[in-house]
Amino acid sequence: MNPQIENNFMYHAPKEGQPEKYEAIREKAKELAYLIEEVCPNSREKSVAITNLETAVMWANASIARN
C-alpha cells in the first residue's frame, strides 16, 4: 500500500477553517479571471490562461484538503 496514493484518492471532509481558505483562493482567482477577460483578446491563449487558472485553483484546494 502506498500512503501517498491512498491520500490522493480518498475523500477529505473539510476541516475547521478550510472552507474559508477555499473561498479566499476562489475569490482571488475570480478577480484574475475577470482581469484576463477584460484585457486579453479572445484567443486560444486566453482560453488556455483561464483553463490554467482553473487548474491552479483546483490544485491549491487539493493542497489544503490533502495536507
N, C-alpha and C. Protein backbone atom coordinates (compact mmCIF):
# COMPACT_ATOMS: atom_id res chain seq x y z
N MET A 1 0.85 -1.18 0.00
CA MET A 1 0.00 0.00 0.00
C MET A 1 0.90 1.25 0.00
N ASN A 2 0.55 2.21 -0.83
CA ASN A 2 1.30 3.46 -0.95
C ASN A 2 0.51 4.57 -0.25
N PRO A 3 1.03 5.12 0.84
CA PRO A 3 0.28 6.15 1.58
C PRO A 3 -0.06 7.38 0.75
N GLN A 4 0.84 7.77 -0.16
CA GLN A 4 0.57 8.95 -0.99
C GLN A 4 -0.61 8.70 -1.92
N ILE A 5 -0.65 7.55 -2.54
CA ILE A 5 -1.78 7.20 -3.42
C ILE A 5 -3.06 7.12 -2.61
N GLU A 6 -3.00 6.48 -1.46
CA GLU A 6 -4.19 6.38 -0.60
C GLU A 6 -4.72 7.76 -0.25
N ASN A 7 -3.83 8.67 0.12
CA ASN A 7 -4.24 10.02 0.50
C ASN A 7 -4.80 10.79 -0.69
N ASN A 8 -4.17 10.66 -1.85
CA ASN A 8 -4.59 11.43 -3.02
C ASN A 8 -5.94 11.01 -3.57
N PHE A 9 -6.33 9.77 -3.31
CA PHE A 9 -7.57 9.25 -3.90
C PHE A 9 -8.63 8.94 -2.87
N MET A 10 -8.61 9.65 -1.76
CA MET A 10 -9.66 9.46 -0.76
C MET A 10 -10.43 10.76 -0.60
N TYR A 11 -11.61 10.64 -0.02
CA TYR A 11 -12.41 11.83 0.27
C TYR A 11 -11.83 12.53 1.49
N HIS A 12 -11.70 13.84 1.39
CA HIS A 12 -11.19 14.64 2.50
C HIS A 12 -12.30 15.60 2.93
N ALA A 13 -12.98 15.24 4.00
CA ALA A 13 -14.03 16.11 4.52
C ALA A 13 -13.39 17.42 4.99
N PRO A 14 -14.05 18.55 4.75
CA PRO A 14 -13.48 19.83 5.17
C PRO A 14 -13.29 19.88 6.69
N LYS A 15 -12.14 20.38 7.08
CA LYS A 15 -11.85 20.59 8.49
C LYS A 15 -12.09 22.05 8.82
N GLU A 16 -12.09 22.37 10.09
CA GLU A 16 -12.33 23.73 10.54
C GLU A 16 -11.33 24.68 9.87
N GLY A 17 -11.85 25.74 9.31
CA GLY A 17 -11.02 26.76 8.69
C GLY A 17 -10.75 26.53 7.21
N GLN A 18 -10.92 25.32 6.73
CA GLN A 18 -10.63 25.05 5.32
C GLN A 18 -11.60 25.71 4.35
N PRO A 19 -12.92 25.67 4.61
CA PRO A 19 -13.83 26.32 3.64
C PRO A 19 -13.49 27.79 3.39
N GLU A 20 -13.06 28.49 4.42
CA GLU A 20 -12.69 29.90 4.26
C GLU A 20 -11.46 30.04 3.36
N LYS A 21 -10.53 29.11 3.47
CA LYS A 21 -9.34 29.14 2.61
C LYS A 21 -9.73 28.88 1.16
N TYR A 22 -10.62 27.90 0.94
CA TYR A 22 -11.08 27.62 -0.42
C TYR A 22 -11.73 28.85 -1.02
N GLU A 23 -12.57 29.51 -0.23
CA GLU A 23 -13.28 30.70 -0.71
C GLU A 23 -12.30 31.82 -1.05
N ALA A 24 -11.29 32.03 -0.23
CA ALA A 24 -10.31 33.09 -0.49
C ALA A 24 -9.57 32.83 -1.79
N ILE A 25 -9.19 31.58 -2.02
CA ILE A 25 -8.49 31.22 -3.26
C ILE A 25 -9.41 31.45 -4.46
N ARG A 26 -10.66 31.01 -4.35
CA ARG A 26 -11.61 31.19 -5.46
C ARG A 26 -11.85 32.66 -5.76
N GLU A 27 -11.97 33.48 -4.72
CA GLU A 27 -12.22 34.91 -4.92
C GLU A 27 -11.06 35.59 -5.65
N LYS A 28 -9.84 35.29 -5.24
CA LYS A 28 -8.68 35.89 -5.90
C LYS A 28 -8.56 35.41 -7.34
N ALA A 29 -8.83 34.12 -7.56
CA ALA A 29 -8.77 33.58 -8.92
C ALA A 29 -9.85 34.22 -9.80
N LYS A 30 -11.03 34.43 -9.23
CA LYS A 30 -12.11 35.06 -9.98
C LYS A 30 -11.72 36.49 -10.35
N GLU A 31 -11.07 37.18 -9.44
CA GLU A 31 -10.60 38.54 -9.73
C GLU A 31 -9.63 38.53 -10.92
N LEU A 32 -8.70 37.59 -10.91
CA LEU A 32 -7.75 37.47 -12.02
C LEU A 32 -8.47 37.06 -13.31
N ALA A 33 -9.44 36.16 -13.20
CA ALA A 33 -10.19 35.73 -14.39
C ALA A 33 -10.90 36.92 -15.05
N TYR A 34 -11.47 37.80 -14.23
CA TYR A 34 -12.13 38.99 -14.79
C TYR A 34 -11.11 39.93 -15.44
N LEU A 35 -9.93 40.04 -14.86
CA LEU A 35 -8.88 40.87 -15.47
C LEU A 35 -8.47 40.29 -16.82
N ILE A 36 -8.26 38.99 -16.87
CA ILE A 36 -7.91 38.32 -18.13
C ILE A 36 -9.02 38.54 -19.16
N GLU A 37 -10.26 38.40 -18.73
CA GLU A 37 -11.40 38.60 -19.63
C GLU A 37 -11.41 40.01 -20.19
N GLU A 38 -11.06 40.97 -19.35
CA GLU A 38 -11.10 42.38 -19.74
C GLU A 38 -9.97 42.77 -20.69
N VAL A 39 -8.75 42.32 -20.42
CA VAL A 39 -7.60 42.85 -21.15
C VAL A 39 -7.07 41.97 -22.27
N CYS A 40 -7.47 40.71 -22.28
CA CYS A 40 -6.94 39.79 -23.29
C CYS A 40 -7.92 39.62 -24.44
N PRO A 41 -7.43 39.63 -25.66
CA PRO A 41 -8.32 39.38 -26.80
C PRO A 41 -8.74 37.91 -26.80
N ASN A 42 -9.93 37.67 -27.32
CA ASN A 42 -10.40 36.29 -27.44
C ASN A 42 -9.42 35.52 -28.32
N SER A 43 -8.90 34.45 -27.77
CA SER A 43 -7.89 33.68 -28.48
C SER A 43 -7.69 32.36 -27.76
N ARG A 44 -6.96 31.49 -28.43
CA ARG A 44 -6.59 30.22 -27.81
C ARG A 44 -5.79 30.47 -26.54
N GLU A 45 -4.90 31.46 -26.59
CA GLU A 45 -4.05 31.77 -25.45
C GLU A 45 -4.88 32.21 -24.24
N LYS A 46 -5.89 33.01 -24.50
CA LYS A 46 -6.78 33.45 -23.42
C LYS A 46 -7.51 32.26 -22.82
N SER A 47 -7.99 31.38 -23.66
CA SER A 47 -8.66 30.17 -23.17
C SER A 47 -7.73 29.31 -22.33
N VAL A 48 -6.49 29.18 -22.78
CA VAL A 48 -5.51 28.40 -22.02
C VAL A 48 -5.23 29.08 -20.68
N ALA A 49 -5.14 30.39 -20.67
CA ALA A 49 -4.90 31.12 -19.41
C ALA A 49 -6.02 30.85 -18.41
N ILE A 50 -7.26 30.91 -18.86
CA ILE A 50 -8.40 30.65 -17.98
C ILE A 50 -8.39 29.20 -17.51
N THR A 51 -8.13 28.28 -18.42
CA THR A 51 -8.07 26.87 -18.05
C THR A 51 -6.99 26.63 -17.01
N ASN A 52 -5.82 27.24 -17.20
CA ASN A 52 -4.75 27.05 -16.24
C ASN A 52 -5.04 27.71 -14.90
N LEU A 53 -5.78 28.79 -14.91
CA LEU A 53 -6.21 29.42 -13.67
C LEU A 53 -7.15 28.48 -12.91
N GLU A 54 -8.08 27.87 -13.63
CA GLU A 54 -8.98 26.89 -13.01
C GLU A 54 -8.17 25.72 -12.44
N THR A 55 -7.17 25.28 -13.18
CA THR A 55 -6.32 24.19 -12.72
C THR A 55 -5.56 24.59 -11.46
N ALA A 56 -5.06 25.81 -11.43
CA ALA A 56 -4.33 26.28 -10.25
C ALA A 56 -5.22 26.30 -9.02
N VAL A 57 -6.46 26.74 -9.18
CA VAL A 57 -7.41 26.73 -8.06
C VAL A 57 -7.66 25.30 -7.59
N MET A 58 -7.85 24.40 -8.53
CA MET A 58 -8.10 23.00 -8.16
C MET A 58 -6.93 22.44 -7.35
N TRP A 59 -5.71 22.66 -7.82
CA TRP A 59 -4.54 22.11 -7.12
C TRP A 59 -4.30 22.81 -5.79
N ALA A 60 -4.56 24.11 -5.71
CA ALA A 60 -4.43 24.80 -4.43
C ALA A 60 -5.41 24.24 -3.41
N ASN A 61 -6.65 24.01 -3.85
CA ASN A 61 -7.65 23.42 -2.96
C ASN A 61 -7.27 22.00 -2.57
N ALA A 62 -6.72 21.24 -3.51
CA ALA A 62 -6.27 19.87 -3.19
C ALA A 62 -5.16 19.92 -2.16
N SER A 63 -4.29 20.90 -2.25
CA SER A 63 -3.20 21.05 -1.28
C SER A 63 -3.76 21.24 0.12
N ILE A 64 -4.77 22.08 0.23
CA ILE A 64 -5.40 22.32 1.54
C ILE A 64 -6.08 21.04 2.03
N ALA A 65 -6.84 20.41 1.17
CA ALA A 65 -7.61 19.23 1.57
C ALA A 65 -6.71 18.06 1.96
N ARG A 66 -5.65 17.85 1.21
CA ARG A 66 -4.81 16.66 1.41
C ARG A 66 -3.81 16.82 2.54
N ASN A 67 -3.50 18.03 2.90
CA ASN A 67 -2.45 18.26 3.89
C ASN A 67 -3.00 18.97 5.09
